[in-house]
């Protein structure tokens, strides 16, 4: 995952957006943003936080 390859000093301001038809054309997962955000959070919890692939993961305060 790209987030795991991003240094912890970098701040993501938006990982996902949402839209509803007819505005939304693709990808379909944007229609229910919370499902995607939950899946991303679970993956990061299981496989490592932001920066984990670089050897210095983000540590929350």
C-alpha atoms as a PDB file:
ATOM      1  CA  UNK A   1       0.000   0.000   0.000  1.00  0.00           C
ATOM      2  CA  UNK A   2       1.316   3.448  -0.901  1.00  0.00           C
ATOM      3  CA  UNK A   3       0.541   4.840   2.559  1.00  0.00           C
ATOM      4  CA  UNK A   4       3.063   2.429   4.071  1.00  0.00           C
ATOM      5  CA  UNK A   5       5.712   3.778   1.681  1.00  0.00           C
ATOM      6  CA  UNK A   6       5.039   7.410   2.605  1.00  0.00           C
ATOM      7  CA  UNK A   7       7.304   9.017   5.234  1.00  0.00           C
ATOM      8  CA  UNK A   8       5.505   9.803   8.496  1.00  0.00           C
ATOM      9  CA  UNK A   9       6.387  13.498   8.067  1.00  0.00           C
ATOM     10  CA  UNK A  10       3.991  13.675   5.096  1.00  0.00           C
ATOM     11  CA  UNK A  11       0.404  14.486   6.026  1.00  0.00           C
ATOM     12  CA  UNK A  12      -2.449  13.097   3.984  1.00  0.00           C
ATOM     13  CA  UNK A  13      -5.266  15.615   3.794  1.00  0.00           C
ATOM     14  CA  UNK A  14      -7.571  13.353   1.802  1.00  0.00           C
ATOM     15  CA  UNK A  15      -7.396   9.638   1.201  1.00  0.00           C
ATOM     16  CA  UNK A  16     -10.887   9.293  -0.205  1.00  0.00           C
ATOM     17  CA  UNK A  17     -13.780  11.405  -1.395  1.00  0.00           C
ATOM     18  CA  UNK A  18     -17.435  10.682  -1.809  1.00  0.00           C
ATOM     19  CA  UNK A  19     -20.067  11.410  -4.403  1.00  0.00           C
ATOM     20  CA  UNK A  20     -23.502  10.157  -5.309  1.00  0.00           C
ATOM     21  CA  UNK A  21     -24.968   9.263  -8.684  1.00  0.00           C
ATOM     22  CA  UNK A  22     -25.401  10.892 -11.146  1.00  0.00           C
ATOM     23  CA  UNK A  23     -22.277  12.892 -10.223  1.00  0.00           C
ATOM     24  CA  UNK A  24     -20.250   9.761  -9.487  1.00  0.00           C
ATOM     25  CA  UNK A  25     -19.056   7.975 -12.598  1.00  0.00           C
ATOM     26  CA  UNK A  26     -16.287   5.805 -11.103  1.00  0.00           C
ATOM     27  CA  UNK A  27     -14.935   4.218  -8.987  1.00  0.00           C
ATOM     28  CA  UNK A  28     -18.049   2.684  -7.491  1.00  0.00           C
ATOM     29  CA  UNK A  29     -16.495   2.320  -4.009  1.00  0.00           C
ATOM     30  CA  UNK A  30     -16.648   6.113  -3.605  1.00  0.00           C
ATOM     31  CA  UNK A  31     -20.417   5.880  -3.239  1.00  0.00           C
ATOM     32  CA  UNK A  32     -19.978   4.408   0.244  1.00  0.00           C
ATOM     33  CA  UNK A  33     -16.810   6.069   1.476  1.00  0.00           C
ATOM     34  CA  UNK A  34     -16.974   4.627   5.003  1.00  0.00           C
ATOM     35  CA  UNK A  35     -16.647   1.042   3.787  1.00  0.00           C
ATOM     36  CA  UNK A  36     -13.436   1.989   1.984  1.00  0.00           C
ATOM     37  CA  UNK A  37     -12.088   3.976   4.933  1.00  0.00           C
ATOM     38  CA  UNK A  38     -12.800   1.088   7.316  1.00  0.00           C
ATOM     39  CA  UNK A  39     -11.036  -1.352   4.997  1.00  0.00           C
ATOM     40  CA  UNK A  40      -7.995   0.961   4.721  1.00  0.00           C
ATOM     41  CA  UNK A  41      -7.815   1.363   8.507  1.00  0.00           C
ATOM     42  CA  UNK A  42      -8.049  -2.405   9.051  1.00  0.00           C
ATOM     43  CA  UNK A  43      -5.333  -3.079   6.475  1.00  0.00           C
ATOM     44  CA  UNK A  44      -2.998  -0.525   8.049  1.00  0.00           C
ATOM     45  CA  UNK A  45      -3.621  -2.015  11.496  1.00  0.00           C
ATOM     46  CA  UNK A  46      -2.792  -5.508  10.264  1.00  0.00           C
ATOM     47  CA  UNK A  47       0.151  -4.764   7.965  1.00  0.00           C
ATOM     48  CA  UNK A  48       1.746  -1.607   9.369  1.00  0.00           C
ATOM     49  CA  UNK A  49       1.097   2.102   9.632  1.00  0.00           C
ATOM     50  CA  UNK A  50       2.213   4.952   7.403  1.00  0.00           C
ATOM     51  CA  UNK A  51       5.966   4.702   6.861  1.00  0.00           C
ATOM     52  CA  UNK A  52       6.161   1.048   7.972  1.00  0.00           C
ATOM     53  CA  UNK A  53       7.689  -0.070   4.662  1.00  0.00           C
ATOM     54  CA  UNK A  54      10.450   2.531   5.158  1.00  0.00           C
ATOM     55  CA  UNK A  55      11.401   1.225   8.589  1.00  0.00           C
ATOM     56  CA  UNK A  56      10.125   4.197  10.589  1.00  0.00           C
ATOM     57  CA  UNK A  57       6.334   4.005  10.986  1.00  0.00           C
ATOM     58  CA  UNK A  58       4.118   6.785  12.215  1.00  0.00           C
ATOM     59  CA  UNK A  59       3.573   6.699  15.966  1.00  0.00           C
ATOM     60  CA  UNK A  60       0.484   8.537  17.198  1.00  0.00           C
ATOM     61  CA  UNK A  61       0.681  10.869  20.155  1.00  0.00           C
END
